[in-house]
């Protein structure tokens, strides 16, 4: 398929399953995920302010601790490596409070119809604390180990493992490693697509910065809801492939 305006070839994804046929470009998939997110959030945006504040607070504390410790190390290559290891260690320690895990699952529940008691829903995932911590820890560890080699492999692997939390929720019978492996297989051929989806939020991020961070109270839920819808899309394709 080629763009009628510039003649550039556009990769098309074709899936068949349940008697339905889907023929969509990557840009259409991204656009559809964002449109569904906007539709779902209509009339519900205020509900996400408390959970978003909790998420931003925990994330901000982690960054401040990391910055303070790393700031005491000079800029030589060897010390940069040490700083990177320390930063990774802080990230691993922060997995003991798996806010990112719980925050992601709130939005998966939300797009599936769970539109009440967001804070309660967020902390309900702490009931399976061992699962939440184990999943967060291992994803962080594997990403860190790849990042120690070079930054680019770390980024690629972060996209490969990006669906692990959702898979953990959908398949409680899976071990943590099985969830990570399923995410890696599910994201095969989709990592660039997800990267483009991330890039599409650059304008929103700039808006959040311009508003001194206030805008992120609405931008982060929009982003998280979009990613949840994106997961639902590639999950369908992955499961159809596995069934063949």
C-alpha atoms as a PDB file:
ATOM      1  CA  UNK A   1       0.000   0.000   0.000  1.00  0.00           C
ATOM      2  CA  UNK A   2       1.336   3.446  -0.927  1.00  0.00           C
ATOM      3  CA  UNK A   3       0.521   6.916   0.371  1.00  0.00           C
ATOM      4  CA  UNK A   4      -1.459   8.782  -2.292  1.00  0.00           C
ATOM      5  CA  UNK A   5       0.277  12.058  -1.374  1.00  0.00           C
ATOM      6  CA  UNK A   6       3.988  11.195  -1.256  1.00  0.00           C
ATOM      7  CA  UNK A   7       4.167   7.711  -2.770  1.00  0.00           C
ATOM      8  CA  UNK A   8       5.766   6.271   0.382  1.00  0.00           C
ATOM      9  CA  UNK A   9       5.091   2.614   1.032  1.00  0.00           C
ATOM     10  CA  UNK A  10       2.951   2.026   4.106  1.00  0.00           C
ATOM     11  CA  UNK A  11       3.144  -1.313   5.861  1.00  0.00           C
ATOM     12  CA  UNK A  12      -0.260  -2.914   6.167  1.00  0.00           C
ATOM     13  CA  UNK A  13      -1.262  -5.348   8.867  1.00  0.00           C
ATOM     14  CA  UNK A  14      -3.790  -8.003   7.911  1.00  0.00           C
ATOM     15  CA  UNK A  15      -5.459 -10.201  10.485  1.00  0.00           C
ATOM     16  CA  UNK A  16      -8.244 -12.705  10.247  1.00  0.00           C
ATOM     17  CA  UNK A  17     -10.151 -14.104  13.150  1.00  0.00           C
ATOM     18  CA  UNK A  18     -13.685 -14.744  14.392  1.00  0.00           C
ATOM     19  CA  UNK A  19     -14.936 -14.250  10.843  1.00  0.00           C
ATOM     20  CA  UNK A  20     -13.665 -10.686  10.733  1.00  0.00           C
ATOM     21  CA  UNK A  21     -10.989  -9.204   8.473  1.00  0.00           C
ATOM     22  CA  UNK A  22      -8.888  -6.185   9.399  1.00  0.00           C
ATOM     23  CA  UNK A  23      -6.706  -4.298   6.927  1.00  0.00           C
ATOM     24  CA  UNK A  24      -5.117  -1.294   8.625  1.00  0.00           C
ATOM     25  CA  UNK A  25      -1.893   0.646   8.283  1.00  0.00           C
ATOM     26  CA  UNK A  26       0.212   1.237  11.353  1.00  0.00           C
ATOM     27  CA  UNK A  27      -0.863   4.869  11.362  1.00  0.00           C
ATOM     28  CA  UNK A  28      -4.516   3.824  11.403  1.00  0.00           C
ATOM     29  CA  UNK A  29      -3.886   1.522  14.367  1.00  0.00           C
ATOM     30  CA  UNK A  30      -2.270   4.348  16.319  1.00  0.00           C
ATOM     31  CA  UNK A  31      -4.988   6.801  15.350  1.00  0.00           C
ATOM     32  CA  UNK A  32      -7.719   4.341  16.302  1.00  0.00           C
ATOM     33  CA  UNK A  33      -6.140   3.618  19.698  1.00  0.00           C
ATOM     34  CA  UNK A  34      -5.978   7.340  20.468  1.00  0.00           C
ATOM     35  CA  UNK A  35      -9.526   7.946  19.260  1.00  0.00           C
ATOM     36  CA  UNK A  36     -10.892   5.151  21.443  1.00  0.00           C
ATOM     37  CA  UNK A  37      -8.971   6.550  24.412  1.00  0.00           C
ATOM     38  CA  UNK A  38     -10.521   9.996  23.928  1.00  0.00           C
ATOM     39  CA  UNK A  39     -13.997   8.477  23.636  1.00  0.00           C
ATOM     40  CA  UNK A  40     -13.548   6.401  26.797  1.00  0.00           C
ATOM     41  CA  UNK A  41     -12.218   9.334  28.827  1.00  0.00           C
ATOM     42  CA  UNK A  42     -15.087  11.611  27.854  1.00  0.00           C
ATOM     43  CA  UNK A  43     -16.850  12.456  31.101  1.00  0.00           C
ATOM     44  CA  UNK A  44     -14.402  10.450  33.212  1.00  0.00           C
ATOM     45  CA  UNK A  45     -11.223  12.559  33.161  1.00  0.00           C
ATOM     46  CA  UNK A  46     -11.659  13.981  36.669  1.00  0.00           C
ATOM     47  CA  UNK A  47     -11.797  10.470  38.125  1.00  0.00           C
ATOM     48  CA  UNK A  48      -8.181   9.881  37.166  1.00  0.00           C
ATOM     49  CA  UNK A  49      -6.692  12.932  38.857  1.00  0.00           C
ATOM     50  CA  UNK A  50      -6.163  11.176  42.266  1.00  0.00           C
ATOM     51  CA  UNK A  51      -4.450   8.079  40.795  1.00  0.00           C
ATOM     52  CA  UNK A  52      -2.401  10.242  38.446  1.00  0.00           C
ATOM     53  CA  UNK A  53      -1.232  12.401  41.364  1.00  0.00           C
ATOM     54  CA  UNK A  54      -0.138   9.270  43.225  1.00  0.00           C
ATOM     55  CA  UNK A  55       1.721   8.021  40.157  1.00  0.00           C
ATOM     56  CA  UNK A  56       3.432  11.372  39.492  1.00  0.00           C
ATOM     57  CA  UNK A  57       4.444  11.708  43.160  1.00  0.00           C
ATOM     58  CA  UNK A  58       6.064   8.261  43.297  1.00  0.00           C
ATOM     59  CA  UNK A  59       7.726   8.758  39.926  1.00  0.00           C
ATOM     60  CA  UNK A  60       8.997  12.187  40.955  1.00  0.00           C
ATOM     61  CA  UNK A  61      10.464  10.913  44.226  1.00  0.00           C
ATOM     62  CA  UNK A  62      12.317   8.196  42.341  1.00  0.00           C
ATOM     63  CA  UNK A  63      13.773  10.762  39.910  1.00  0.00           C
ATOM     64  CA  UNK A  64      14.853  13.088  42.729  1.00  0.00           C
ATOM     65  CA  UNK A  65      16.641  10.303  44.602  1.00  0.00           C
ATOM     66  CA  UNK A  66      18.306   9.157  41.401  1.00  0.00           C
ATOM     67  CA  UNK A  67      19.382  12.699  40.477  1.00  0.00           C
ATOM     68  CA  UNK A  68      20.810  13.440  43.927  1.00  0.00           C
ATOM     69  CA  UNK A  69      22.895  10.284  44.049  1.00  0.00           C
ATOM     70  CA  UNK A  70      24.038  10.427  40.420  1.00  0.00           C
ATOM     71  CA  UNK A  71      24.877  14.121  40.760  1.00  0.00           C
ATOM     72  CA  UNK A  72      27.635  13.316  43.220  1.00  0.00           C
ATOM     73  CA  UNK A  73      29.518  11.277  40.611  1.00  0.00           C
ATOM     74  CA  UNK A  74      31.789  12.937  38.037  1.00  0.00           C
ATOM     75  CA  UNK A  75      31.388  12.572  34.290  1.00  0.00           C
ATOM     76  CA  UNK A  76      34.205  10.164  33.426  1.00  0.00           C
ATOM     77  CA  UNK A  77      33.237   7.015  31.518  1.00  0.00           C
ATOM     78  CA  UNK A  78      33.934   4.666  34.423  1.00  0.00           C
ATOM     79  CA  UNK A  79      31.979   6.810  36.814  1.00  0.00           C
ATOM     80  CA  UNK A  80      29.187   7.124  34.264  1.00  0.00           C
ATOM     81  CA  UNK A  81      28.942   3.324  34.325  1.00  0.00           C
ATOM     82  CA  UNK A  82      28.828   3.343  38.120  1.00  0.00           C
ATOM     83  CA  UNK A  83      26.177   6.038  38.031  1.00  0.00           C
ATOM     84  CA  UNK A  84      24.120   3.972  35.587  1.00  0.00           C
ATOM     85  CA  UNK A  85      24.383   0.941  37.878  1.00  0.00           C
ATOM     86  CA  UNK A  86      23.318   3.002  40.893  1.00  0.00           C
ATOM     87  CA  UNK A  87      20.394   4.400  38.939  1.00  0.00           C
ATOM     88  CA  UNK A  88      19.366   0.894  37.953  1.00  0.00           C
ATOM     89  CA  UNK A  89      19.668  -0.235  41.552  1.00  0.00           C
ATOM     90  CA  UNK A  90      17.322   2.543  42.632  1.00  0.00           C
ATOM     91  CA  UNK A  91      14.843   1.469  39.959  1.00  0.00           C
ATOM     92  CA  UNK A  92      15.023  -2.105  41.200  1.00  0.00           C
ATOM     93  CA  UNK A  93      14.424  -0.963  44.780  1.00  0.00           C
ATOM     94  CA  UNK A  94      11.464   1.123  43.642  1.00  0.00           C
ATOM     95  CA  UNK A  95       9.857  -2.057  42.303  1.00  0.00           C
ATOM     96  CA  UNK A  96       9.045  -2.849  45.938  1.00  0.00           C
ATOM     97  CA  UNK A  97       6.309  -0.238  45.497  1.00  0.00           C
ATOM     98  CA  UNK A  98       4.917  -1.358  42.096  1.00  0.00           C
ATOM     99  CA  UNK A  99       2.915   1.774  41.339  1.00  0.00           C
ATOM    100  CA  UNK A 100       3.603   1.578  37.599  1.00  0.00           C
ATOM    101  CA  UNK A 101       2.265  -1.978  37.490  1.00  0.00           C
ATOM    102  CA  UNK A 102      -0.915  -1.093  39.371  1.00  0.00           C
ATOM    103  CA  UNK A 103      -1.369   2.173  37.456  1.00  0.00           C
ATOM    104  CA  UNK A 104      -1.236   0.384  34.086  1.00  0.00           C
ATOM    105  CA  UNK A 105      -3.793  -2.212  35.122  1.00  0.00           C
ATOM    106  CA  UNK A 106      -6.228   0.491  36.265  1.00  0.00           C
ATOM    107  CA  UNK A 107      -6.504   1.635  32.655  1.00  0.00           C
ATOM    108  CA  UNK A 108      -6.874  -1.872  31.262  1.00  0.00           C
ATOM    109  CA  UNK A 109      -9.755  -2.377  33.686  1.00  0.00           C
ATOM    110  CA  UNK A 110     -11.130   1.020  32.711  1.00  0.00           C
ATOM    111  CA  UNK A 111     -11.390   0.349  28.971  1.00  0.00           C
ATOM    112  CA  UNK A 112     -13.077  -2.952  29.791  1.00  0.00           C
ATOM    113  CA  UNK A 113     -15.837  -1.221  31.711  1.00  0.00           C
ATOM    114  CA  UNK A 114     -14.402  -0.583  35.188  1.00  0.00           C
ATOM    115  CA  UNK A 115     -15.162   3.131  35.533  1.00  0.00           C
ATOM    116  CA  UNK A 116     -15.586   3.554  39.304  1.00  0.00           C
ATOM    117  CA  UNK A 117     -13.353   3.816  42.379  1.00  0.00           C
ATOM    118  CA  UNK A 118     -10.072   4.292  40.523  1.00  0.00           C
ATOM    119  CA  UNK A 119      -7.901   4.704  43.626  1.00  0.00           C
ATOM    120  CA  UNK A 120      -9.461   1.642  45.229  1.00  0.00           C
ATOM    121  CA  UNK A 121      -8.954  -0.280  41.994  1.00  0.00           C
ATOM    122  CA  UNK A 122      -5.327   0.817  41.814  1.00  0.00           C
ATOM    123  CA  UNK A 123      -4.483  -0.428  45.288  1.00  0.00           C
ATOM    124  CA  UNK A 124      -6.538  -3.607  44.873  1.00  0.00           C
ATOM    125  CA  UNK A 125      -3.674  -4.962  42.769  1.00  0.00           C
ATOM    126  CA  UNK A 126      -1.493  -4.828  45.889  1.00  0.00           C
ATOM    127  CA  UNK A 127      -3.481  -7.806  47.148  1.00  0.00           C
ATOM    128  CA  UNK A 128      -1.256  -9.935  44.934  1.00  0.00           C
ATOM    129  CA  UNK A 129       1.819  -8.051  46.112  1.00  0.00           C
ATOM    130  CA  UNK A 130       4.302 -10.823  45.330  1.00  0.00           C
ATOM    131  CA  UNK A 131       3.087 -10.988  41.731  1.00  0.00           C
ATOM    132  CA  UNK A 132       3.185  -7.198  41.277  1.00  0.00           C
ATOM    133  CA  UNK A 133       6.663  -6.819  42.767  1.00  0.00           C
ATOM    134  CA  UNK A 134       8.081  -9.865  40.985  1.00  0.00           C
ATOM    135  CA  UNK A 135       6.824  -8.706  37.588  1.00  0.00           C
ATOM    136  CA  UNK A 136       8.033  -5.134  38.078  1.00  0.00           C
ATOM    137  CA  UNK A 137      11.404  -6.280  39.383  1.00  0.00           C
ATOM    138  CA  UNK A 138      12.141  -8.713  36.562  1.00  0.00           C
ATOM    139  CA  UNK A 139      11.057  -6.327  33.787  1.00  0.00           C
ATOM    140  CA  UNK A 140      13.247  -3.614  35.327  1.00  0.00           C
ATOM    141  CA  UNK A 141      16.174  -6.010  35.767  1.00  0.00           C
ATOM    142  CA  UNK A 142      16.115  -7.344  32.200  1.00  0.00           C
ATOM    143  CA  UNK A 143      15.783  -3.849  30.765  1.00  0.00           C
ATOM    144  CA  UNK A 144      18.651  -2.638  32.964  1.00  0.00           C
ATOM    145  CA  UNK A 145      20.948  -5.476  31.895  1.00  0.00           C
ATOM    146  CA  UNK A 146      20.338  -4.706  28.227  1.00  0.00           C
ATOM    147  CA  UNK A 147      20.850  -0.994  28.894  1.00  0.00           C
ATOM    148  CA  UNK A 148      24.259  -1.670  30.425  1.00  0.00           C
ATOM    149  CA  UNK A 149      25.390  -2.984  27.044  1.00  0.00           C
ATOM    150  CA  UNK A 150      24.211   0.059  25.106  1.00  0.00           C
ATOM    151  CA  UNK A 151      21.341   2.504  25.420  1.00  0.00           C
ATOM    152  CA  UNK A 152      19.649   1.449  22.161  1.00  0.00           C
ATOM    153  CA  UNK A 153      19.302  -2.280  23.059  1.00  0.00           C
ATOM    154  CA  UNK A 154      17.827  -1.190  26.387  1.00  0.00           C
ATOM    155  CA  UNK A 155      15.238   0.968  24.640  1.00  0.00           C
ATOM    156  CA  UNK A 156      14.366  -1.816  22.203  1.00  0.00           C
ATOM    157  CA  UNK A 157      13.905  -4.302  25.028  1.00  0.00           C
ATOM    158  CA  UNK A 158      11.785  -1.843  27.014  1.00  0.00           C
ATOM    159  CA  UNK A 159       9.351  -1.869  24.089  1.00  0.00           C
ATOM    160  CA  UNK A 160       9.579  -5.657  23.835  1.00  0.00           C
ATOM    161  CA  UNK A 161       8.612  -6.006  27.514  1.00  0.00           C
ATOM    162  CA  UNK A 162       6.024  -3.195  27.455  1.00  0.00           C
ATOM    163  CA  UNK A 163       2.954  -5.476  27.477  1.00  0.00           C
ATOM    164  CA  UNK A 164       4.121  -7.649  30.387  1.00  0.00           C
ATOM    165  CA  UNK A 165       1.918  -5.992  33.022  1.00  0.00           C
ATOM    166  CA  UNK A 166      -1.228  -6.419  30.951  1.00  0.00           C
ATOM    167  CA  UNK A 167      -0.395 -10.043  30.168  1.00  0.00           C
ATOM    168  CA  UNK A 168       0.200 -10.626  33.880  1.00  0.00           C
ATOM    169  CA  UNK A 169      -3.356  -9.472  34.555  1.00  0.00           C
ATOM    170  CA  UNK A 170      -4.924 -11.465  31.724  1.00  0.00           C
ATOM    171  CA  UNK A 171      -2.984 -14.649  32.484  1.00  0.00           C
ATOM    172  CA  UNK A 172      -2.572 -15.111  36.241  1.00  0.00           C
ATOM    173  CA  UNK A 173      -1.585 -18.704  35.530  1.00  0.00           C
ATOM    174  CA  UNK A 174       1.603 -17.522  33.790  1.00  0.00           C
ATOM    175  CA  UNK A 175       4.863 -17.183  35.682  1.00  0.00           C
ATOM    176  CA  UNK A 176       6.616 -13.810  35.560  1.00  0.00           C
ATOM    177  CA  UNK A 177       9.101 -15.084  32.976  1.00  0.00           C
ATOM    178  CA  UNK A 178       6.261 -16.461  30.863  1.00  0.00           C
ATOM    179  CA  UNK A 179       4.557 -13.045  30.920  1.00  0.00           C
ATOM    180  CA  UNK A 180       7.775 -11.367  29.800  1.00  0.00           C
ATOM    181  CA  UNK A 181       8.311 -13.929  27.038  1.00  0.00           C
ATOM    182  CA  UNK A 182       4.699 -13.546  25.856  1.00  0.00           C
ATOM    183  CA  UNK A 183       5.196  -9.775  25.709  1.00  0.00           C
ATOM    184  CA  UNK A 184       8.371 -10.222  23.688  1.00  0.00           C
ATOM    185  CA  UNK A 185       6.579 -12.449  21.185  1.00  0.00           C
ATOM    186  CA  UNK A 186       3.520 -10.203  21.079  1.00  0.00           C
ATOM    187  CA  UNK A 187       5.645  -7.130  20.345  1.00  0.00           C
ATOM    188  CA  UNK A 188       7.591  -8.852  17.584  1.00  0.00           C
ATOM    189  CA  UNK A 189       7.067  -6.590  14.570  1.00  0.00           C
ATOM    190  CA  UNK A 190       5.332  -3.924  16.681  1.00  0.00           C
ATOM    191  CA  UNK A 191       8.188  -2.219  18.514  1.00  0.00           C
ATOM    192  CA  UNK A 192       8.663   0.496  15.888  1.00  0.00           C
ATOM    193  CA  UNK A 193       4.914   0.992  15.769  1.00  0.00           C
ATOM    194  CA  UNK A 194       4.792   1.563  19.526  1.00  0.00           C
ATOM    195  CA  UNK A 195       7.762   3.920  19.273  1.00  0.00           C
ATOM    196  CA  UNK A 196       5.839   6.001  16.723  1.00  0.00           C
ATOM    197  CA  UNK A 197       2.837   6.004  19.050  1.00  0.00           C
ATOM    198  CA  UNK A 198       5.068   7.386  21.812  1.00  0.00           C
ATOM    199  CA  UNK A 199       6.394  10.058  19.451  1.00  0.00           C
ATOM    200  CA  UNK A 200       2.844  11.147  18.673  1.00  0.00           C
ATOM    201  CA  UNK A 201       2.566  12.396  22.257  1.00  0.00           C
ATOM    202  CA  UNK A 202       5.521  14.788  22.037  1.00  0.00           C
ATOM    203  CA  UNK A 203       3.200  17.744  21.468  1.00  0.00           C
ATOM    204  CA  UNK A 204       1.156  16.808  24.509  1.00  0.00           C
ATOM    205  CA  UNK A 205       4.300  16.464  26.622  1.00  0.00           C
ATOM    206  CA  UNK A 206       5.404  19.963  25.587  1.00  0.00           C
ATOM    207  CA  UNK A 207       1.953  21.229  26.542  1.00  0.00           C
ATOM    208  CA  UNK A 208       2.322  19.581  29.953  1.00  0.00           C
ATOM    209  CA  UNK A 209       5.673  21.303  30.463  1.00  0.00           C
ATOM    210  CA  UNK A 210       4.289  24.674  29.364  1.00  0.00           C
ATOM    211  CA  UNK A 211       1.475  24.345  31.912  1.00  0.00           C
ATOM    212  CA  UNK A 212       4.090  23.697  34.637  1.00  0.00           C
ATOM    213  CA  UNK A 213       3.072  20.067  34.918  1.00  0.00           C
ATOM    214  CA  UNK A 214      -0.624  20.661  35.548  1.00  0.00           C
ATOM    215  CA  UNK A 215      -1.524  19.407  32.090  1.00  0.00           C
ATOM    216  CA  UNK A 216      -0.020  16.014  32.878  1.00  0.00           C
ATOM    217  CA  UNK A 217      -2.993  15.289  35.133  1.00  0.00           C
ATOM    218  CA  UNK A 218      -4.981  14.880  31.919  1.00  0.00           C
ATOM    219  CA  UNK A 219      -2.227  13.884  29.500  1.00  0.00           C
ATOM    220  CA  UNK A 220      -0.995  10.854  31.453  1.00  0.00           C
ATOM    221  CA  UNK A 221      -4.460   9.210  31.649  1.00  0.00           C
ATOM    222  CA  UNK A 222      -4.893   9.855  27.923  1.00  0.00           C
ATOM    223  CA  UNK A 223      -1.544   8.205  27.200  1.00  0.00           C
ATOM    224  CA  UNK A 224      -2.184   5.254  29.528  1.00  0.00           C
ATOM    225  CA  UNK A 225      -5.644   4.641  28.060  1.00  0.00           C
ATOM    226  CA  UNK A 226      -4.206   4.756  24.540  1.00  0.00           C
ATOM    227  CA  UNK A 227      -1.546   2.161  25.410  1.00  0.00           C
ATOM    228  CA  UNK A 228      -4.214  -0.087  26.959  1.00  0.00           C
ATOM    229  CA  UNK A 229      -6.233   0.080  23.741  1.00  0.00           C
ATOM    230  CA  UNK A 230      -3.089  -0.597  21.725  1.00  0.00           C
ATOM    231  CA  UNK A 231      -2.501  -3.713  23.839  1.00  0.00           C
ATOM    232  CA  UNK A 232      -6.033  -4.916  23.141  1.00  0.00           C
ATOM    233  CA  UNK A 233      -5.396  -4.533  19.426  1.00  0.00           C
ATOM    234  CA  UNK A 234      -2.089  -6.414  19.197  1.00  0.00           C
ATOM    235  CA  UNK A 235      -3.334  -9.003  21.698  1.00  0.00           C
ATOM    236  CA  UNK A 236      -6.085  -9.952  19.258  1.00  0.00           C
ATOM    237  CA  UNK A 237      -3.588 -10.355  16.429  1.00  0.00           C
ATOM    238  CA  UNK A 238      -1.210 -12.352  18.616  1.00  0.00           C
ATOM    239  CA  UNK A 239      -3.917 -14.703  19.854  1.00  0.00           C
ATOM    240  CA  UNK A 240      -5.190 -15.253  16.302  1.00  0.00           C
ATOM    241  CA  UNK A 241      -1.660 -16.142  15.249  1.00  0.00           C
ATOM    242  CA  UNK A 242      -1.215 -18.541  18.174  1.00  0.00           C
ATOM    243  CA  UNK A 243      -4.485 -20.248  17.296  1.00  0.00           C
ATOM    244  CA  UNK A 244      -3.341 -21.034  13.755  1.00  0.00           C
END
